[in-house]
Amino acid sequence: MREMELCRTLSKFGIKPGLERIAKLMDTLRHPERQMKVILVTGTNGKGSVTSFLASILKEAGYKTGSYFSPHLVNYNERFKINGKSISDAKLRKYEKKILSLLERGFEATEFEALTAIAYKYFSDENCDFAVMEIGMGGRLDATNIAEECISIITNVDLEHTDYLGGTIEQVAFEKAGIMKKGIAITGAHGKALGTIKDESENKNISLHVLNEDVFAKTVSATDKKNVFNYVGYEFFNSIETLLIGRHQASNAALAIAAAEELGIEEDAIRDGIKKTKNPGRLEQISVNPLVVIDGAHNPHGIRELIGNLDLFRYDKLAIVFGVMKDKDWKEMIRLLAPHCDLFVATQPKMERAEAAKKISKEAAIYTDSIAEKNPKKAVSLAKKQCGKNGMVLICGSLYLIGEIKNYISK
């Protein structure tokens, strides 16, 4: 389903952090979030990949596993998966009608809260053993956090959504650490953010496991086809393979493996789960001659990771197609990214929040040749023509943008 009446109705209410509305929905729905073991995953970047890795491991271990993602790329169905399979249109419509009926009775919800309610209800109705839930924003006041988790994972922390989460790393880390309420916590954070997370874990008497202190991942090889890495936690696993591209995926996988170890998952399921994991839109190659790669990097931290993996690909010229939301630190993203390309094509996803292509192009022109093409489809065609068959087109800046591009391709 590419459109939902529910989301058209609620999108106008925007973002309203808080657990009051989702609590009332869960109570009316008879608390579906209490019917399975819940694992919460937050972080500035990598939370979608970690969610995918862990859900895949649990599936291979024989558990019926729900996984919840945001945003989707093409269809709303992508947000709700059980054992890697998206919810059907028919079932999604059924749950949409249920939530709409509650709204008509006077219940209140934001778009994300309504979708989260659907996720918990769907996973409960289908008798899932686990629900691996990607946090929407922050953590403490995010709708997914209505559940009591058995494990919480904080991938990393950088400045983001500062209007809601605070203007310092410590404030953002505090909000993300809000998903740590009980059980065990795992994090890949470092520096000041890690300090805040450690303080919160001590205050709540939560056992915290830290990447590069308690668990370790070392890349053995990285190519444009796969990554191979060694893992050290409770056990040592050598030469684990993942088809998710990018050296940073070893760290993401390590966080998922650490969680799996806490759950007593055996090595074979861990290896198979990591190798079978899919997460579209992350250094995903969607065509060749020229090579076209899409990546969901949408903040400076993600752009740095992206730049650090450009050497995995072979190309003569690099053309970047870039669209971004107004509320992102897009000037810093351009400062980091634009010097690495031969042509920067600024475009504009079909979102009210999208920054104007002309404004983006003007900023990029400080660093490289830049043009503006508002239509994303035309922007990609232009980039492909300019870089030639031996070149590479990189599409990034917004998950909404790469979702539009994948939608064009699917048609």
Protein backbone atom coordinates (compact mmCIF):
# COMPACT_ATOMS: atom_id res chain seq x y z
CA MET A 1 0.00 0.00 0.00
CA ARG A 2 1.56 3.26 -1.12
CA GLU A 3 -1.12 5.36 0.54
CA MET A 4 -3.09 4.97 3.74
CA GLU A 5 -6.17 6.96 4.69
CA LEU A 6 -4.97 6.80 8.29
CA CYS A 7 -1.71 8.57 7.46
CA ARG A 8 -3.39 11.19 5.29
CA THR A 9 -5.65 11.95 8.24
CA LEU A 10 -2.93 12.13 10.88
CA SER A 11 0.11 13.52 9.05
CA LYS A 12 -1.16 17.07 9.54
CA PHE A 13 -0.65 16.73 13.31
CA GLY A 14 3.12 16.33 12.88
CA ILE A 15 5.44 15.16 15.66
CA LYS A 16 4.23 15.22 19.27
CA PRO A 17 6.60 13.34 21.61
CA GLY A 18 4.92 11.67 24.55
CA LEU A 19 3.53 8.33 25.70
CA GLU A 20 0.08 9.41 26.87
CA ARG A 21 -1.74 8.82 23.58
CA ILE A 22 -0.09 5.49 22.74
CA ALA A 23 -0.72 4.29 26.33
CA LYS A 24 -4.46 4.81 25.86
CA LEU A 25 -4.38 2.98 22.52
CA MET A 26 -2.49 0.04 24.00
CA ASP A 27 -4.94 -0.16 26.90
CA THR A 28 -7.93 -0.21 24.55
CA LEU A 29 -6.23 -2.84 22.36
CA ARG A 30 -5.63 -4.98 25.50
CA HIS A 31 -1.91 -4.37 25.63
CA PRO A 32 -0.55 -6.28 22.64
CA GLU A 33 2.94 -5.00 23.49
CA ARG A 34 2.93 -7.29 26.55
CA GLN A 35 2.29 -10.47 24.58
CA MET A 36 5.85 -10.98 23.25
CA LYS A 37 9.43 -10.21 24.13
CA VAL A 38 10.30 -6.73 22.85
CA ILE A 39 13.72 -5.50 21.75
CA LEU A 40 14.03 -1.74 21.21
CA VAL A 41 16.64 -0.32 18.82
CA THR A 42 17.55 3.37 18.67
CA GLY A 43 20.50 5.44 17.48
CA THR A 44 21.39 8.21 15.07
CA ASN A 45 22.30 5.77 12.29
CA GLY A 46 22.31 2.03 11.79
CA LYS A 47 19.17 1.21 13.75
CA GLY A 48 17.37 -0.15 10.68
CA SER A 49 20.31 -2.40 9.85
CA VAL A 50 20.62 -3.64 13.45
CA THR A 51 16.87 -4.34 13.54
CA SER A 52 17.17 -6.31 10.30
CA PHE A 53 20.22 -8.26 11.48
CA LEU A 54 18.66 -9.24 14.80
CA ALA A 55 15.27 -10.14 13.33
CA SER A 56 17.01 -12.37 10.78
CA ILE A 57 19.06 -14.11 13.50
CA LEU A 58 15.96 -14.76 15.61
CA LYS A 59 14.13 -16.18 12.59
CA GLU A 60 17.02 -18.55 11.87
CA ALA A 61 16.94 -19.61 15.53
CA GLY A 62 13.34 -20.75 15.04
CA TYR A 63 11.52 -17.83 16.64
CA LYS A 64 8.55 -16.14 15.01
CA THR A 65 9.83 -12.58 14.87
CA GLY A 66 8.11 -9.31 14.10
CA SER A 67 10.17 -6.33 13.01
CA TYR A 68 9.06 -2.72 12.74
CA PHE A 69 10.81 -0.05 10.64
CA SER A 70 10.46 3.62 9.84
CA PRO A 71 10.24 5.18 7.43
CA HIS A 72 9.38 2.86 4.53
CA LEU A 73 10.89 3.28 1.07
CA VAL A 74 8.02 2.45 -1.30
CA ASN A 75 5.10 0.81 0.54
CA TYR A 76 3.76 1.16 4.07
CA ASN A 77 3.76 -2.64 4.22
CA GLU A 78 7.56 -2.57 4.51
CA ARG A 79 7.27 -1.20 8.05
CA PHE A 80 5.62 -4.35 9.41
CA LYS A 81 7.39 -7.66 8.85
CA ILE A 82 7.13 -11.13 10.33
CA ASN A 83 10.06 -13.43 9.61
CA GLY A 84 11.18 -11.00 6.93
CA LYS A 85 7.85 -10.93 5.04
CA SER A 86 5.89 -7.68 4.82
CA ILE A 87 2.28 -7.50 5.98
CA SER A 88 -0.31 -8.09 3.26
CA ASP A 89 -2.48 -5.27 1.93
CA ALA A 90 -5.59 -6.99 3.29
CA LYS A 91 -4.26 -7.29 6.82
CA LEU A 92 -2.88 -3.77 6.83
CA ARG A 93 -6.27 -2.41 5.75
CA LYS A 94 -7.92 -4.36 8.57
CA TYR A 95 -5.66 -2.78 11.19
CA GLU A 96 -5.98 0.63 9.57
CA LYS A 97 -9.78 0.42 9.90
CA LYS A 98 -9.45 -0.60 13.53
CA ILE A 99 -7.31 2.44 14.40
CA LEU A 100 -9.56 4.76 12.35
CA SER A 101 -12.56 3.53 14.32
CA LEU A 102 -10.76 4.40 17.57
CA LEU A 103 -10.00 7.88 16.27
CA GLU A 104 -13.68 8.34 15.44
CA ARG A 105 -14.48 7.44 19.05
CA GLY A 106 -12.29 10.29 20.26
CA PHE A 107 -8.89 8.68 20.70
CA GLU A 108 -5.92 10.81 19.66
CA ALA A 109 -2.70 9.77 17.92
CA THR A 110 0.04 11.04 15.66
CA GLU A 111 0.75 9.17 12.43
CA PHE A 112 3.73 7.36 13.96
CA GLU A 113 1.80 6.44 17.10
CA ALA A 114 -0.99 4.94 15.01
CA LEU A 115 1.46 2.90 12.95
CA THR A 116 3.24 1.72 16.10
CA ALA A 117 -0.08 0.59 17.55
CA ILE A 118 -0.71 -1.40 14.37
CA ALA A 119 2.72 -3.02 14.67
CA TYR A 120 2.24 -4.20 18.24
CA LYS A 121 -1.30 -5.41 17.55
CA TYR A 122 -0.28 -7.26 14.37
CA PHE A 123 2.67 -8.99 16.02
CA SER A 124 0.51 -9.97 19.00
CA ASP A 125 -2.33 -11.32 16.84
CA GLU A 126 0.16 -13.40 14.87
CA ASN A 127 1.63 -14.86 18.09
CA CYS A 128 5.15 -13.59 17.55
CA ASP A 129 7.79 -14.67 20.04
CA PHE A 130 9.78 -11.45 19.58
CA ALA A 131 9.18 -7.94 18.29
CA VAL A 132 12.30 -6.04 17.23
CA MET A 133 11.22 -2.40 17.12
CA GLU A 134 13.11 0.42 15.43
CA ILE A 135 12.60 3.65 17.35
CA GLY A 136 11.15 6.52 15.33
CA MET A 137 12.91 9.44 17.02
CA GLY A 138 14.94 9.67 20.20
CA GLY A 139 13.66 6.98 22.52
CA ARG A 140 12.37 8.15 25.90
CA LEU A 141 9.13 9.62 24.53
CA ASP A 142 8.89 7.53 21.36
CA ALA A 143 5.71 5.50 20.91
CA THR A 144 7.61 2.21 20.60
CA ASN A 145 8.93 2.77 24.13
CA ILE A 146 5.51 1.99 25.60
CA ALA A 147 6.72 -1.62 25.84
CA GLU A 148 8.94 -3.05 28.54
CA GLU A 149 11.95 -4.32 26.67
CA CYS A 150 14.04 -7.39 27.38
CA ILE A 151 16.99 -5.81 25.53
CA SER A 152 17.65 -2.24 24.42
CA ILE A 153 20.20 -1.31 21.76
CA ILE A 154 21.61 2.17 21.14
CA THR A 155 23.67 2.07 17.94
CA ASN A 156 25.41 5.46 18.08
CA VAL A 157 24.64 9.07 18.96
CA ASP A 158 25.14 12.29 17.02
CA LEU A 159 23.25 15.58 16.92
CA GLU A 160 19.84 15.16 15.28
CA HIS A 161 16.28 16.40 15.74
CA THR A 162 17.69 19.04 18.08
CA ASP A 163 14.31 20.83 18.32
CA TYR A 164 12.95 17.77 20.10
CA LEU A 165 15.99 15.98 21.56
CA GLY A 166 18.17 18.87 22.69
CA GLY A 167 21.11 20.79 21.32
CA THR A 168 23.99 18.81 22.84
CA ILE A 169 25.29 15.27 22.40
CA GLU A 170 24.60 14.62 26.08
CA GLN A 171 20.96 15.69 25.75
CA VAL A 172 20.41 13.54 22.67
CA ALA A 173 22.09 10.59 24.39
CA PHE A 174 19.85 11.04 27.44
CA GLU A 175 16.74 10.85 25.25
CA LYS A 176 17.99 7.72 23.50
CA ALA A 177 18.99 6.15 26.81
CA GLY A 178 15.34 6.47 27.80
CA ILE A 179 14.64 3.11 26.15
CA MET A 180 16.75 1.47 28.89
CA LYS A 181 14.14 0.61 31.50
CA LYS A 182 14.95 -2.96 32.46
CA GLY A 183 16.88 -5.98 31.23
CA ILE A 184 20.12 -5.59 29.30
CA ALA A 185 21.43 -2.72 27.18
CA ILE A 186 23.96 -2.74 24.34
CA THR A 187 25.54 0.28 22.67
CA GLY A 188 28.02 1.31 20.00
CA ALA A 189 28.18 4.90 21.28
CA HIS A 190 31.41 6.57 22.31
CA GLY A 191 32.72 9.78 23.86
CA LYS A 192 30.33 12.08 25.72
CA ALA A 193 27.31 10.10 24.52
CA LEU A 194 28.70 6.90 26.00
CA GLY A 195 29.33 8.69 29.27
CA THR A 196 25.69 9.73 29.48
CA ILE A 197 24.48 6.24 28.58
CA LYS A 198 26.74 4.68 31.21
CA ASP A 199 25.44 7.08 33.84
CA GLU A 200 21.84 6.23 32.97
CA SER A 201 22.51 2.49 33.01
CA GLU A 202 24.10 2.77 36.46
CA ASN A 203 21.21 4.87 37.76
CA LYS A 204 18.74 2.24 36.56
CA ASN A 205 20.88 -0.75 37.55
CA ILE A 206 20.95 -2.02 33.98
CA SER A 207 23.76 -4.23 32.67
CA LEU A 208 25.41 -2.35 29.78
CA HIS A 209 27.58 -3.94 27.08
CA VAL A 210 29.69 -1.59 24.99
CA LEU A 211 31.12 -2.10 21.52
CA ASN A 212 34.94 -1.98 21.61
CA GLU A 213 34.92 -2.52 25.38
CA ASP A 214 32.89 -5.69 25.93
CA VAL A 215 32.24 -6.85 22.36
CA PHE A 216 34.41 -6.37 19.29
CA ALA A 217 34.13 -6.54 15.51
CA LYS A 218 37.14 -6.47 13.19
CA THR A 219 36.74 -6.29 9.43
CA VAL A 220 38.63 -9.01 7.56
CA SER A 221 37.62 -7.90 4.07
CA ALA A 222 35.18 -5.44 2.52
CA THR A 223 34.12 -5.27 -1.13
CA ASP A 224 31.18 -4.04 -3.15
CA LYS A 225 29.64 -7.52 -2.80
CA LYS A 226 30.03 -8.46 0.87
CA ASN A 227 31.77 -7.89 4.20
CA VAL A 228 33.67 -10.46 6.22
CA PHE A 229 34.47 -9.77 9.88
CA ASN A 230 35.50 -11.44 13.12
CA TYR A 231 33.43 -11.06 16.28
CA VAL A 232 34.46 -11.34 19.92
CA GLY A 233 31.89 -11.31 22.71
CA TYR A 234 31.12 -14.19 25.03
CA GLU A 235 32.36 -16.32 22.13
CA PHE A 236 34.74 -15.82 19.20
CA PHE A 237 33.21 -16.12 15.74
CA ASN A 238 35.59 -15.82 12.82
CA SER A 239 34.83 -14.88 9.22
CA ILE A 240 31.18 -13.93 9.57
CA GLU A 241 29.74 -12.80 6.24
CA THR A 242 27.15 -10.14 5.50
CA LEU A 243 25.83 -9.03 2.14
CA LEU A 244 25.10 -5.55 3.49
CA ILE A 245 27.75 -3.31 1.99
CA GLY A 246 29.90 -0.86 3.98
CA ARG A 247 32.54 -1.38 6.65
CA HIS A 248 30.23 0.10 9.27
CA GLN A 249 27.90 -2.87 8.85
CA ALA A 250 30.36 -5.02 10.83
CA SER A 251 29.69 -2.81 13.86
CA ASN A 252 25.93 -2.92 13.27
CA ALA A 253 26.04 -6.70 12.98
CA ALA A 254 28.14 -6.95 16.14
CA LEU A 255 25.46 -5.14 18.15
CA ALA A 256 22.87 -7.62 16.88
CA ILE A 257 25.14 -10.57 17.65
CA ALA A 258 25.72 -9.27 21.17
CA ALA A 259 21.95 -9.21 21.70
CA ALA A 260 21.63 -12.70 20.23
CA GLU A 261 24.29 -13.99 22.64
CA GLU A 262 22.32 -12.56 25.56
CA LEU A 263 19.32 -14.54 24.33
CA GLY A 264 21.33 -17.75 24.10
CA ILE A 265 21.21 -18.03 20.31
CA GLU A 266 23.58 -20.64 18.84
CA GLU A 267 26.41 -19.83 16.42
CA ASP A 268 24.84 -21.44 13.34
CA ALA A 269 21.70 -19.28 13.63
CA ILE A 270 23.84 -16.18 14.16
CA ARG A 271 25.96 -16.88 11.07
CA ASP A 272 22.99 -17.76 8.88
CA GLY A 273 20.96 -14.81 10.14
CA ILE A 274 23.71 -12.28 9.44
CA LYS A 275 24.37 -13.70 5.98
CA LYS A 276 20.69 -13.72 4.98
CA THR A 277 19.95 -10.19 6.22
CA LYS A 278 18.53 -7.72 3.73
CA ASN A 279 18.02 -4.00 4.29
CA PRO A 280 17.21 -2.15 1.06
CA GLY A 281 18.42 1.38 0.52
CA ARG A 282 21.76 1.04 2.27
CA LEU A 283 24.61 1.17 -0.26
CA GLU A 284 22.27 -0.79 -2.52
CA GLN A 285 23.31 -1.24 -6.14
CA ILE A 286 20.19 -0.92 -8.28
CA SER A 287 21.66 -0.90 -11.80
CA VAL A 288 24.92 -1.07 -13.79
CA ASN A 289 26.41 0.70 -16.82
CA PRO A 290 26.49 3.14 -15.22
CA LEU A 291 26.56 1.84 -11.69
CA VAL A 292 23.71 3.36 -9.67
CA VAL A 293 23.89 3.13 -5.87
CA ILE A 294 21.29 4.36 -3.40
CA ASP A 295 22.02 5.06 0.25
CA GLY A 296 19.81 6.37 3.04
CA ALA A 297 22.45 8.64 4.61
CA HIS A 298 20.49 11.68 5.79
CA ASN A 299 22.69 13.37 8.38
CA PRO A 300 26.40 14.29 8.70
CA HIS A 301 27.25 11.11 10.61
CA GLY A 302 25.71 8.96 7.88
CA ILE A 303 27.42 10.97 5.14
CA ARG A 304 30.81 10.40 6.79
CA GLU A 305 30.16 6.65 6.81
CA LEU A 306 29.10 6.82 3.18
CA ILE A 307 32.23 8.69 2.11
CA GLY A 308 34.38 6.17 3.96
CA ASN A 309 33.01 3.41 1.73
CA LEU A 310 33.19 5.04 -1.70
CA ASP A 311 36.49 3.24 -2.34
CA LEU A 312 34.60 -0.08 -2.42
CA PHE A 313 33.27 0.86 -5.85
CA ARG A 314 35.07 1.29 -9.17
CA TYR A 315 34.17 4.26 -11.34
CA ASP A 316 35.72 6.90 -13.59
CA LYS A 317 33.37 9.73 -12.68
CA LEU A 318 31.02 10.19 -9.75
CA ALA A 319 27.73 12.03 -10.06
CA ILE A 320 25.72 12.56 -6.88
CA VAL A 321 21.95 13.06 -6.85
CA PHE A 322 21.05 14.70 -3.56
CA GLY A 323 17.75 15.66 -1.96
CA VAL A 324 17.22 16.47 1.70
CA MET A 325 14.71 17.63 4.28
CA LYS A 326 14.84 21.24 5.47
CA ASP A 327 15.31 20.28 9.11
CA LYS A 328 18.55 18.38 8.46
CA ASP A 329 22.05 19.84 8.73
CA TRP A 330 22.24 19.72 4.96
CA LYS A 331 24.91 22.37 4.48
CA GLU A 332 27.31 20.29 6.55
CA MET A 333 26.28 17.19 4.59
CA ILE A 334 27.10 18.98 1.33
CA ARG A 335 30.40 20.29 2.70
CA LEU A 336 31.45 16.72 3.44
CA LEU A 337 30.08 15.09 0.31
CA ALA A 338 30.33 17.48 -2.63
CA PRO A 339 34.16 17.62 -2.92
CA HIS A 340 34.19 13.88 -3.70
CA CYS A 341 32.11 14.08 -6.88
CA ASP A 342 32.51 15.38 -10.43
CA LEU A 343 28.90 16.56 -10.65
CA PHE A 344 26.37 17.35 -7.93
CA VAL A 345 22.72 17.19 -9.02
CA ALA A 346 20.37 18.76 -6.49
CA THR A 347 16.80 17.49 -6.53
CA GLN A 348 13.65 17.62 -4.44
CA PRO A 349 11.58 14.70 -3.07
CA LYS A 350 7.80 15.19 -3.15
CA MET A 351 7.61 16.23 0.49
CA GLU A 352 6.60 19.52 2.06
CA ARG A 353 9.66 19.25 4.28
CA ALA A 354 12.02 18.92 1.30
CA GLU A 355 14.60 21.66 0.79
CA ALA A 356 14.47 23.52 -2.55
CA ALA A 357 16.72 22.03 -5.22
CA LYS A 358 17.98 25.46 -6.31
CA LYS A 359 19.01 26.32 -2.78
CA ILE A 360 20.88 23.02 -2.42
CA SER A 361 22.60 23.47 -5.79
CA LYS A 362 23.80 26.93 -4.88
CA GLU A 363 25.47 25.59 -1.74
CA ALA A 364 27.04 22.63 -3.57
CA ALA A 365 28.49 24.95 -6.22
CA ILE A 366 30.95 26.20 -3.59
CA TYR A 367 32.70 22.81 -3.78
CA THR A 368 32.06 21.29 -7.23
CA ASP A 369 30.08 21.55 -10.48
CA SER A 370 26.43 21.67 -9.50
CA ILE A 371 23.04 21.85 -11.19
CA ALA A 372 19.44 21.78 -9.97
CA GLU A 373 16.75 19.45 -11.29
CA LYS A 374 13.63 19.44 -9.14
CA ASN A 375 12.24 16.21 -10.59
CA PRO A 376 14.12 13.22 -9.05
CA LYS A 377 13.56 10.95 -12.05
CA LYS A 378 14.97 13.55 -14.42
CA ALA A 379 17.82 14.24 -11.98
CA VAL A 380 18.90 10.60 -12.10
CA SER A 381 18.69 10.48 -15.90
CA LEU A 382 20.80 13.62 -16.12
CA ALA A 383 23.40 12.21 -13.73
CA LYS A 384 23.61 8.93 -15.64
CA LYS A 385 24.15 10.77 -18.90
CA GLN A 386 26.87 13.00 -17.47
CA CYS A 387 28.93 10.28 -15.79
CA GLY A 388 28.88 7.79 -18.69
CA LYS A 389 28.84 3.97 -18.68
CA ASN A 390 32.00 3.69 -16.59
CA GLY A 391 30.82 6.19 -14.03
CA MET A 392 28.76 5.90 -10.87
CA VAL A 393 25.60 7.67 -9.78
CA LEU A 394 25.14 7.93 -6.02
CA ILE A 395 21.68 8.87 -4.76
CA CYS A 396 21.51 9.97 -1.13
CA GLY A 397 20.42 12.62 1.38
CA SER A 398 16.98 11.30 2.27
CA LEU A 399 15.22 7.96 2.63
CA TYR A 400 12.20 9.64 1.04
CA LEU A 401 14.27 10.44 -2.04
CA ILE A 402 15.61 6.91 -2.50
CA GLY A 403 12.11 5.60 -1.89
CA GLU A 404 10.87 7.69 -4.81
CA ILE A 405 13.68 6.40 -7.00
CA LYS A 406 12.92 2.77 -6.11
CA ASN A 407 9.27 3.47 -6.86
CA TYR A 408 10.18 4.70 -10.35
CA ILE A 409 12.25 1.59 -10.94
CA SER A 410 9.51 -0.77 -9.73
CA LYS A 411 7.13 0.77 -12.25
